[in-house]
């Protein structure tokens, strides 16, 4: 029982440290744009990223539709591997 208690404390501390590190990394990104809606989010994300890239900003975009992709600073796209099926309700 004592071992379970100690392991629980260790995992709790690990989780807290991970959360703190995550928020530190997120805060390093000066501007974040969230695209929300039902249709056309991937296209809108690509257009916003291209416009900002053309204006001289360093841009990293991510689409999460049926074909999730990361769009890098140079405009190259890399598919993301999904662990499961897309959640479309």
PDB file of N, CA and C in Angstrom:
ATOM      1  N   UNK A   1       0.828  -1.191   0.000  1.00  0.00           N
ATOM      2  CA  UNK A   1       0.000   0.000   0.000  1.00  0.00           C
ATOM      3  C   UNK A   1       0.875   1.259   0.000  1.00  0.00           C
ATOM      4  N   UNK A   2       1.960   1.200   0.760  1.00  0.00           N
ATOM      5  CA  UNK A   2       2.866   2.341   0.854  1.00  0.00           C
ATOM      6  C   UNK A   2       3.508   2.625  -0.500  1.00  0.00           C
ATOM      7  N   UNK A   3       3.852   1.562  -1.246  1.00  0.00           N
ATOM      8  CA  UNK A   3       4.476   1.729  -2.559  1.00  0.00           C
ATOM      9  C   UNK A   3       3.509   2.421  -3.522  1.00  0.00           C
ATOM     10  N   UNK A   4       2.243   2.057  -3.483  1.00  0.00           N
ATOM     11  CA  UNK A   4       1.239   2.692  -4.338  1.00  0.00           C
ATOM     12  C   UNK A   4       1.119   4.172  -3.995  1.00  0.00           C
ATOM     13  N   UNK A   5       1.156   4.493  -2.715  1.00  0.00           N
ATOM     14  CA  UNK A   5       1.073   5.888  -2.279  1.00  0.00           C
ATOM     15  C   UNK A   5       2.275   6.683  -2.794  1.00  0.00           C
ATOM     16  N   UNK A   6       3.476   6.125  -2.648  1.00  0.00           N
ATOM     17  CA  UNK A   6       4.693   6.798  -3.105  1.00  0.00           C
ATOM     18  C   UNK A   6       4.668   6.980  -4.626  1.00  0.00           C
ATOM     19  N   UNK A   7       4.278   5.936  -5.362  1.00  0.00           N
ATOM     20  CA  UNK A   7       4.198   6.041  -6.819  1.00  0.00           C
ATOM     21  C   UNK A   7       3.165   7.083  -7.248  1.00  0.00           C
ATOM     22  N   UNK A   8       2.063   7.163  -6.542  1.00  0.00           N
ATOM     23  CA  UNK A   8       1.044   8.177  -6.848  1.00  0.00           C
ATOM     24  C   UNK A   8       1.605   9.577  -6.664  1.00  0.00           C
ATOM     25  N   UNK A   9       2.353   9.794  -5.588  1.00  0.00           N
ATOM     26  CA  UNK A   9       2.961  11.102  -5.334  1.00  0.00           C
ATOM     27  C   UNK A   9       3.981  11.431  -6.424  1.00  0.00           C
ATOM     28  N   UNK A  10       4.800  10.445  -6.804  1.00  0.00           N
ATOM     29  CA  UNK A  10       5.812  10.658  -7.843  1.00  0.00           C
ATOM     30  C   UNK A  10       5.139  11.037  -9.167  1.00  0.00           C
ATOM     31  N   UNK A  11       4.095  10.310  -9.559  1.00  0.00           N
ATOM     32  CA  UNK A  11       3.394  10.619 -10.807  1.00  0.00           C
ATOM     33  C   UNK A  11       2.690  11.969 -10.740  1.00  0.00           C
ATOM     34  N   UNK A  12       2.174  12.338  -9.594  1.00  0.00           N
ATOM     35  CA  UNK A  12       1.541  13.645  -9.427  1.00  0.00           C
ATOM     36  C   UNK A  12       2.567  14.759  -9.614  1.00  0.00           C
ATOM     37  N   UNK A  13       3.728  14.616  -8.985  1.00  0.00           N
ATOM     38  CA  UNK A  13       4.792  15.617  -9.121  1.00  0.00           C
ATOM     39  C   UNK A  13       5.266  15.689 -10.573  1.00  0.00           C
ATOM     40  N   UNK A  14       5.423  14.537 -11.206  1.00  0.00           N
ATOM     41  CA  UNK A  14       5.827  14.503 -12.613  1.00  0.00           C
ATOM     42  C   UNK A  14       4.806  15.230 -13.491  1.00  0.00           C
ATOM     43  N   UNK A  15       3.527  14.990 -13.254  1.00  0.00           N
ATOM     44  CA  UNK A  15       2.471  15.648 -14.022  1.00  0.00           C
ATOM     45  C   UNK A  15       2.481  17.153 -13.844  1.00  0.00           C
ATOM     46  N   UNK A  16       2.703  17.607 -12.622  1.00  0.00           N
ATOM     47  CA  UNK A  16       2.760  19.050 -12.352  1.00  0.00           C
ATOM     48  C   UNK A  16       3.945  19.679 -13.077  1.00  0.00           C
ATOM     49  N   UNK A  17       5.101  19.018 -13.035  1.00  0.00           N
ATOM     50  CA  UNK A  17       6.289  19.535 -13.725  1.00  0.00           C
ATOM     51  C   UNK A  17       6.051  19.582 -15.230  1.00  0.00           C
ATOM     52  N   UNK A  18       5.430  18.541 -15.788  1.00  0.00           N
ATOM     53  CA  UNK A  18       5.121  18.530 -17.219  1.00  0.00           C
ATOM     54  C   UNK A  18       4.182  19.671 -17.594  1.00  0.00           C
ATOM     55  N   UNK A  19       3.179  19.925 -16.766  1.00  0.00           N
ATOM     56  CA  UNK A  19       2.233  21.005 -17.043  1.00  0.00           C
ATOM     57  C   UNK A  19       2.925  22.366 -17.012  1.00  0.00           C
ATOM     58  N   UNK A  20       3.779  22.578 -16.036  1.00  0.00           N
ATOM     59  CA  UNK A  20       4.520  23.843 -15.940  1.00  0.00           C
ATOM     60  C   UNK A  20       5.404  24.033 -17.169  1.00  0.00           C
ATOM     61  N   UNK A  21       6.126  22.987 -17.572  1.00  0.00           N
ATOM     62  CA  UNK A  21       6.987  23.075 -18.758  1.00  0.00           C
ATOM     63  C   UNK A  21       6.170  23.327 -20.025  1.00  0.00           C
ATOM     64  N   UNK A  22       4.998  22.706 -20.120  1.00  0.00           N
ATOM     65  CA  UNK A  22       4.130  22.909 -21.280  1.00  0.00           C
ATOM     66  C   UNK A  22       3.705  24.369 -21.385  1.00  0.00           C
ATOM     67  N   UNK A  23       3.248  24.943 -20.286  1.00  0.00           N
ATOM     68  CA  UNK A  23       2.810  26.341 -20.306  1.00  0.00           C
ATOM     69  C   UNK A  23       3.962  27.294 -20.619  1.00  0.00           C
ATOM     70  N   UNK A  24       5.170  26.963 -20.160  1.00  0.00           N
ATOM     71  CA  UNK A  24       6.331  27.793 -20.491  1.00  0.00           C
ATOM     72  C   UNK A  24       6.588  27.779 -21.993  1.00  0.00           C
ATOM     73  N   UNK A  25       6.474  26.600 -22.616  1.00  0.00           N
ATOM     74  CA  UNK A  25       6.692  26.496 -24.059  1.00  0.00           C
ATOM     75  C   UNK A  25       5.599  27.228 -24.838  1.00  0.00           C
ATOM     76  N   UNK A  26       4.366  27.104 -24.385  1.00  0.00           N
ATOM     77  CA  UNK A  26       3.262  27.778 -25.075  1.00  0.00           C
ATOM     78  C   UNK A  26       3.417  29.289 -24.999  1.00  0.00           C
ATOM     79  N   UNK A  27       3.877  29.798 -23.863  1.00  0.00           N
ATOM     80  CA  UNK A  27       4.036  31.244 -23.698  1.00  0.00           C
ATOM     81  C   UNK A  27       5.155  31.806 -24.565  1.00  0.00           C
ATOM     82  N   UNK A  28       6.059  30.954 -25.054  1.00  0.00           N
ATOM     83  CA  UNK A  28       7.132  31.418 -25.933  1.00  0.00           C
ATOM     84  C   UNK A  28       6.610  31.779 -27.322  1.00  0.00           C
ATOM     85  N   UNK A  29       5.420  31.287 -27.666  1.00  0.00           N
ATOM     86  CA  UNK A  29       4.817  31.618 -28.956  1.00  0.00           C
ATOM     87  C   UNK A  29       4.093  32.948 -28.784  1.00  0.00           C
ATOM     88  N   UNK A  30       4.587  34.031 -29.431  1.00  0.00           N
ATOM     89  CA  UNK A  30       4.033  35.359 -29.155  1.00  0.00           C
ATOM     90  C   UNK A  30       2.603  35.554 -29.646  1.00  0.00           C
ATOM     91  N   UNK A  31       2.254  34.989 -30.797  1.00  0.00           N
ATOM     92  CA  UNK A  31       0.911  35.168 -31.350  1.00  0.00           C
ATOM     93  C   UNK A  31       0.365  33.798 -31.739  1.00  0.00           C
ATOM     94  N   UNK A  32      -0.858  33.504 -31.282  1.00  0.00           N
ATOM     95  CA  UNK A  32      -1.532  32.263 -31.648  1.00  0.00           C
ATOM     96  C   UNK A  32      -2.886  32.630 -32.243  1.00  0.00           C
ATOM     97  N   UNK A  33      -3.225  32.020 -33.363  1.00  0.00           N
ATOM     98  CA  UNK A  33      -4.514  32.260 -34.011  1.00  0.00           C
ATOM     99  C   UNK A  33      -5.274  30.945 -34.013  1.00  0.00           C
ATOM    100  N   UNK A  34      -6.495  30.978 -33.511  1.00  0.00           N
ATOM    101  CA  UNK A  34      -7.348  29.791 -33.447  1.00  0.00           C
ATOM    102  C   UNK A  34      -8.448  29.939 -34.486  1.00  0.00           C
ATOM    103  N   UNK A  35      -8.586  28.947 -35.364  1.00  0.00           N
ATOM    104  CA  UNK A  35      -9.629  28.965 -36.390  1.00  0.00           C
ATOM    105  C   UNK A  35     -10.703  27.977 -35.955  1.00  0.00           C
ATOM    106  N   UNK A  36     -11.944  28.468 -35.840  1.00  0.00           N
ATOM    107  CA  UNK A  36     -13.046  27.662 -35.338  1.00  0.00           C
ATOM    108  C   UNK A  36     -14.197  27.699 -36.338  1.00  0.00           C
ATOM    109  N   UNK A  37     -14.987  26.665 -36.374  1.00  0.00           N
ATOM    110  CA  UNK A  37     -16.155  26.641 -37.254  1.00  0.00           C
ATOM    111  C   UNK A  37     -16.488  25.231 -37.677  1.00  0.00           C
ATOM    112  N   UNK A  38     -17.384  25.126 -38.669  1.00  0.00           N
ATOM    113  CA  UNK A  38     -17.808  23.803 -39.110  1.00  0.00           C
ATOM    114  C   UNK A  38     -17.151  23.378 -40.412  1.00  0.00           C
ATOM    115  N   UNK A  39     -17.073  24.267 -41.356  1.00  0.00           N
ATOM    116  CA  UNK A  39     -16.516  23.933 -42.670  1.00  0.00           C
ATOM    117  C   UNK A  39     -15.388  24.899 -43.032  1.00  0.00           C
ATOM    118  N   UNK A  40     -14.372  24.382 -43.726  1.00  0.00           N
ATOM    119  CA  UNK A  40     -13.340  25.236 -44.299  1.00  0.00           C
ATOM    120  C   UNK A  40     -12.225  25.667 -43.371  1.00  0.00           C
ATOM    121  N   UNK A  41     -12.070  25.006 -42.229  1.00  0.00           N
ATOM    122  CA  UNK A  41     -11.021  25.422 -41.282  1.00  0.00           C
ATOM    123  C   UNK A  41      -9.622  25.159 -41.833  1.00  0.00           C
ATOM    124  N   UNK A  42      -9.428  24.033 -42.498  1.00  0.00           N
ATOM    125  CA  UNK A  42      -8.099  23.714 -43.032  1.00  0.00           C
ATOM    126  C   UNK A  42      -7.709  24.710 -44.120  1.00  0.00           C
ATOM    127  N   UNK A  43      -8.632  25.034 -45.000  1.00  0.00           N
ATOM    128  CA  UNK A  43      -8.359  26.007 -46.055  1.00  0.00           C
ATOM    129  C   UNK A  43      -8.078  27.376 -45.461  1.00  0.00           C
ATOM    130  N   UNK A  44      -8.890  27.775 -44.488  1.00  0.00           N
ATOM    131  CA  UNK A  44      -8.693  29.072 -43.836  1.00  0.00           C
ATOM    132  C   UNK A  44      -7.345  29.123 -43.142  1.00  0.00           C
ATOM    133  N   UNK A  45      -6.972  28.036 -42.479  1.00  0.00           N
ATOM    134  CA  UNK A  45      -5.679  27.974 -41.793  1.00  0.00           C
ATOM    135  C   UNK A  45      -4.537  28.117 -42.789  1.00  0.00           C
ATOM    136  N   UNK A  46      -4.639  27.426 -43.919  1.00  0.00           N
ATOM    137  CA  UNK A  46      -3.595  27.535 -44.951  1.00  0.00           C
ATOM    138  C   UNK A  46      -3.501  28.961 -45.497  1.00  0.00           C
ATOM    139  N   UNK A  47      -4.649  29.598 -45.732  1.00  0.00           N
ATOM    140  CA  UNK A  47      -4.645  30.964 -46.265  1.00  0.00           C
ATOM    141  C   UNK A  47      -4.059  31.955 -45.267  1.00  0.00           C
ATOM    142  N   UNK A  48      -4.434  31.826 -43.993  1.00  0.00           N
ATOM    143  CA  UNK A  48      -3.890  32.719 -42.962  1.00  0.00           C
ATOM    144  C   UNK A  48      -2.382  32.527 -42.848  1.00  0.00           C
ATOM    145  N   UNK A  49      -1.945  31.261 -42.827  1.00  0.00           N
ATOM    146  CA  UNK A  49      -0.508  30.974 -42.714  1.00  0.00           C
ATOM    147  C   UNK A  49       0.254  31.539 -43.908  1.00  0.00           C
ATOM    148  N   UNK A  50      -0.299  31.377 -45.111  1.00  0.00           N
ATOM    149  CA  UNK A  50       0.377  31.889 -46.307  1.00  0.00           C
ATOM    150  C   UNK A  50       0.458  33.412 -46.281  1.00  0.00           C
ATOM    151  N   UNK A  51      -0.622  34.059 -45.863  1.00  0.00           N
ATOM    152  CA  UNK A  51      -0.614  35.521 -45.791  1.00  0.00           C
ATOM    153  C   UNK A  51       0.390  36.047 -44.788  1.00  0.00           C
ATOM    154  N   UNK A  52       0.436  35.428 -43.620  1.00  0.00           N
ATOM    155  CA  UNK A  52       1.392  35.858 -42.596  1.00  0.00           C
ATOM    156  C   UNK A  52       2.830  35.560 -43.022  1.00  0.00           C
ATOM    157  N   UNK A  53       3.023  34.419 -43.672  1.00  0.00           N
ATOM    158  CA  UNK A  53       4.360  34.061 -44.165  1.00  0.00           C
ATOM    159  C   UNK A  53       4.823  35.085 -45.197  1.00  0.00           C
ATOM    160  N   UNK A  54       3.909  35.473 -46.082  1.00  0.00           N
ATOM    161  CA  UNK A  54       4.237  36.458 -47.119  1.00  0.00           C
ATOM    162  C   UNK A  54       4.541  37.820 -46.508  1.00  0.00           C
ATOM    163  N   UNK A  55       3.940  38.111 -45.347  1.00  0.00           N
ATOM    164  CA  UNK A  55       4.189  39.387 -44.663  1.00  0.00           C
ATOM    165  C   UNK A  55       5.486  39.365 -43.860  1.00  0.00           C
ATOM    166  N   UNK A  56       6.184  38.214 -43.849  1.00  0.00           N
ATOM    167  CA  UNK A  56       7.479  38.154 -43.183  1.00  0.00           C
ATOM    168  C   UNK A  56       7.472  37.526 -41.803  1.00  0.00           C
ATOM    169  N   UNK A  57       6.330  36.993 -41.368  1.00  0.00           N
ATOM    170  CA  UNK A  57       6.267  36.348 -40.058  1.00  0.00           C
ATOM    171  C   UNK A  57       6.753  34.907 -40.159  1.00  0.00           C
ATOM    172  N   UNK A  58       7.318  34.401 -39.056  1.00  0.00           N
ATOM    173  CA  UNK A  58       7.629  32.980 -38.955  1.00  0.00           C
ATOM    174  C   UNK A  58       6.334  32.285 -38.559  1.00  0.00           C
ATOM    175  N   UNK A  59       5.869  31.354 -39.391  1.00  0.00           N
ATOM    176  CA  UNK A  59       4.547  30.760 -39.202  1.00  0.00           C
ATOM    177  C   UNK A  59       4.656  29.243 -39.151  1.00  0.00           C
ATOM    178  N   UNK A  60       3.978  28.645 -38.190  1.00  0.00           N
ATOM    179  CA  UNK A  60       3.795  27.199 -38.119  1.00  0.00           C
ATOM    180  C   UNK A  60       2.304  26.972 -37.983  1.00  0.00           C
ATOM    181  N   UNK A  61       1.721  26.197 -38.892  1.00  0.00           N
ATOM    182  CA  UNK A  61       0.279  25.958 -38.871  1.00  0.00           C
ATOM    183  C   UNK A  61       0.018  24.466 -38.718  1.00  0.00           C
ATOM    184  N   UNK A  62      -1.141  24.147 -38.153  1.00  0.00           N
ATOM    185  CA  UNK A  62      -1.535  22.751 -37.970  1.00  0.00           C
ATOM    186  C   UNK A  62      -3.004  22.620 -38.331  1.00  0.00           C
ATOM    187  N   UNK A  63      -3.315  21.664 -39.194  1.00  0.00           N
ATOM    188  CA  UNK A  63      -4.707  21.361 -39.505  1.00  0.00           C
ATOM    189  C   UNK A  63      -5.042  20.011 -38.891  1.00  0.00           C
ATOM    190  N   UNK A  64      -6.268  19.874 -38.409  1.00  0.00           N
ATOM    191  CA  UNK A  64      -6.644  18.648 -37.700  1.00  0.00           C
ATOM    192  C   UNK A  64      -7.896  18.011 -38.268  1.00  0.00           C
ATOM    193  N   UNK A  65      -8.191  18.243 -39.527  1.00  0.00           N
ATOM    194  CA  UNK A  65      -9.380  17.661 -40.142  1.00  0.00           C
ATOM    195  C   UNK A  65      -9.193  16.179 -40.412  1.00  0.00           C
ATOM    196  N   UNK A  66      -9.822  15.697 -41.489  1.00  0.00           N
ATOM    197  CA  UNK A  66      -9.691  14.280 -41.823  1.00  0.00           C
ATOM    198  C   UNK A  66      -8.282  13.940 -42.308  1.00  0.00           C
ATOM    199  N   UNK A  67      -7.557  14.940 -42.815  1.00  0.00           N
ATOM    200  CA  UNK A  67      -6.151  14.765 -43.210  1.00  0.00           C
ATOM    201  C   UNK A  67      -5.289  15.739 -42.413  1.00  0.00           C
ATOM    202  N   UNK A  68      -4.950  15.403 -41.165  1.00  0.00           N
ATOM    203  CA  UNK A  68      -4.188  16.341 -40.328  1.00  0.00           C
ATOM    204  C   UNK A  68      -2.775  16.548 -40.867  1.00  0.00           C
ATOM    205  N   UNK A  69      -2.324  17.806 -40.822  1.00  0.00           N
ATOM    206  CA  UNK A  69      -1.002  18.147 -41.338  1.00  0.00           C
ATOM    207  C   UNK A  69      -0.380  19.261 -40.515  1.00  0.00           C
ATOM    208  N   UNK A  70       0.964  19.283 -40.529  1.00  0.00           N
ATOM    209  CA  UNK A  70       1.733  20.405 -39.999  1.00  0.00           C
ATOM    210  C   UNK A  70       2.255  21.164 -41.209  1.00  0.00           C
ATOM    211  N   UNK A  71       2.079  22.476 -41.200  1.00  0.00           N
ATOM    212  CA  UNK A  71       2.555  23.323 -42.292  1.00  0.00           C
ATOM    213  C   UNK A  71       3.707  24.155 -41.734  1.00  0.00           C
ATOM    214  N   UNK A  72       4.904  23.926 -42.255  1.00  0.00           N
ATOM    215  CA  UNK A  72       6.109  24.542 -41.717  1.00  0.00           C
ATOM    216  C   UNK A  72       6.325  25.956 -42.248  1.00  0.00           C
ATOM    217  N   UNK A  73       7.378  26.600 -41.754  1.00  0.00           N
ATOM    218  CA  UNK A  73       7.683  27.995 -42.102  1.00  0.00           C
ATOM    219  C   UNK A  73       7.877  28.204 -43.596  1.00  0.00           C
ATOM    220  N   UNK A  74       8.387  27.188 -44.290  1.00  0.00           N
ATOM    221  CA  UNK A  74       8.631  27.334 -45.729  1.00  0.00           C
ATOM    222  C   UNK A  74       7.425  26.930 -46.575  1.00  0.00           C
ATOM    223  N   UNK A  75       6.317  26.549 -45.932  1.00  0.00           N
ATOM    224  CA  UNK A  75       5.105  26.161 -46.646  1.00  0.00           C
ATOM    225  C   UNK A  75       4.994  24.675 -46.916  1.00  0.00           C
ATOM    226  N   UNK A  76       6.040  23.914 -46.600  1.00  0.00           N
ATOM    227  CA  UNK A  76       5.994  22.463 -46.792  1.00  0.00           C
ATOM    228  C   UNK A  76       5.028  21.845 -45.789  1.00  0.00           C
ATOM    229  N   UNK A  77       4.298  20.815 -46.225  1.00  0.00           N
ATOM    230  CA  UNK A  77       3.327  20.143 -45.367  1.00  0.00           C
ATOM    231  C   UNK A  77       3.765  18.720 -45.090  1.00  0.00           C
ATOM    232  N   UNK A  78       3.573  18.292 -43.847  1.00  0.00           N
ATOM    233  CA  UNK A  78       3.878  16.929 -43.442  1.00  0.00           C
ATOM    234  C   UNK A  78       2.639  16.329 -42.792  1.00  0.00           C
ATOM    235  N   UNK A  79       2.213  15.152 -43.238  1.00  0.00           N
ATOM    236  CA  UNK A  79       1.037  14.540 -42.615  1.00  0.00           C
ATOM    237  C   UNK A  79       1.328  14.119 -41.175  1.00  0.00           C
ATOM    238  N   UNK A  80       0.314  14.222 -40.334  1.00  0.00           N
ATOM    239  CA  UNK A  80       0.413  13.774 -38.948  1.00  0.00           C
ATOM    240  C   UNK A  80      -0.217  12.400 -38.830  1.00  0.00           C
ATOM    241  N   UNK A  81       0.400  11.544 -38.058  1.00  0.00           N
ATOM    242  CA  UNK A  81      -0.169  10.220 -37.816  1.00  0.00           C
ATOM    243  C   UNK A  81      -1.185  10.325 -36.688  1.00  0.00           C
ATOM    244  N   UNK A  82      -2.360   9.800 -36.920  1.00  0.00           N
ATOM    245  CA  UNK A  82      -3.426   9.789 -35.921  1.00  0.00           C
ATOM    246  C   UNK A  82      -3.401   8.469 -35.167  1.00  0.00           C
ATOM    247  N   UNK A  83      -3.666   8.524 -33.883  1.00  0.00           N
ATOM    248  CA  UNK A  83      -3.723   7.288 -33.096  1.00  0.00           C
ATOM    249  C   UNK A  83      -5.038   6.552 -33.316  1.00  0.00           C
ATOM    250  N   UNK A  84      -6.075   7.296 -33.638  1.00  0.00           N
ATOM    251  CA  UNK A  84      -7.390   6.688 -33.859  1.00  0.00           C
ATOM    252  C   UNK A  84      -8.088   7.384 -35.007  1.00  0.00           C
ATOM    253  N   UNK A  85      -9.372   7.145 -35.137  1.00  0.00           N
ATOM    254  CA  UNK A  85     -10.161   7.790 -36.179  1.00  0.00           C
ATOM    255  C   UNK A  85     -10.500   9.215 -35.777  1.00  0.00           C
ATOM    256  N   UNK A  86     -10.760  10.099 -36.765  1.00  0.00           N
ATOM    257  CA  UNK A  86     -11.180  11.453 -36.417  1.00  0.00           C
ATOM    258  C   UNK A  86     -12.513  11.418 -35.689  1.00  0.00           C
ATOM    259  N   UNK A  87     -12.671  12.330 -34.741  1.00  0.00           N
ATOM    260  CA  UNK A  87     -13.899  12.390 -33.950  1.00  0.00           C
ATOM    261  C   UNK A  87     -14.843  13.390 -34.605  1.00  0.00           C
ATOM    262  N   UNK A  88     -15.681  12.908 -35.489  1.00  0.00           N
ATOM    263  CA  UNK A  88     -16.645  13.762 -36.185  1.00  0.00           C
ATOM    264  C   UNK A  88     -18.028  13.386 -35.687  1.00  0.00           C
ATOM    265  N   UNK A  89     -18.647  14.322 -35.021  1.00  0.00           N
ATOM    266  CA  UNK A  89     -19.969  14.042 -34.429  1.00  0.00           C
ATOM    267  C   UNK A  89     -21.057  14.481 -35.376  1.00  0.00           C
TER     268      UNK A  89
END
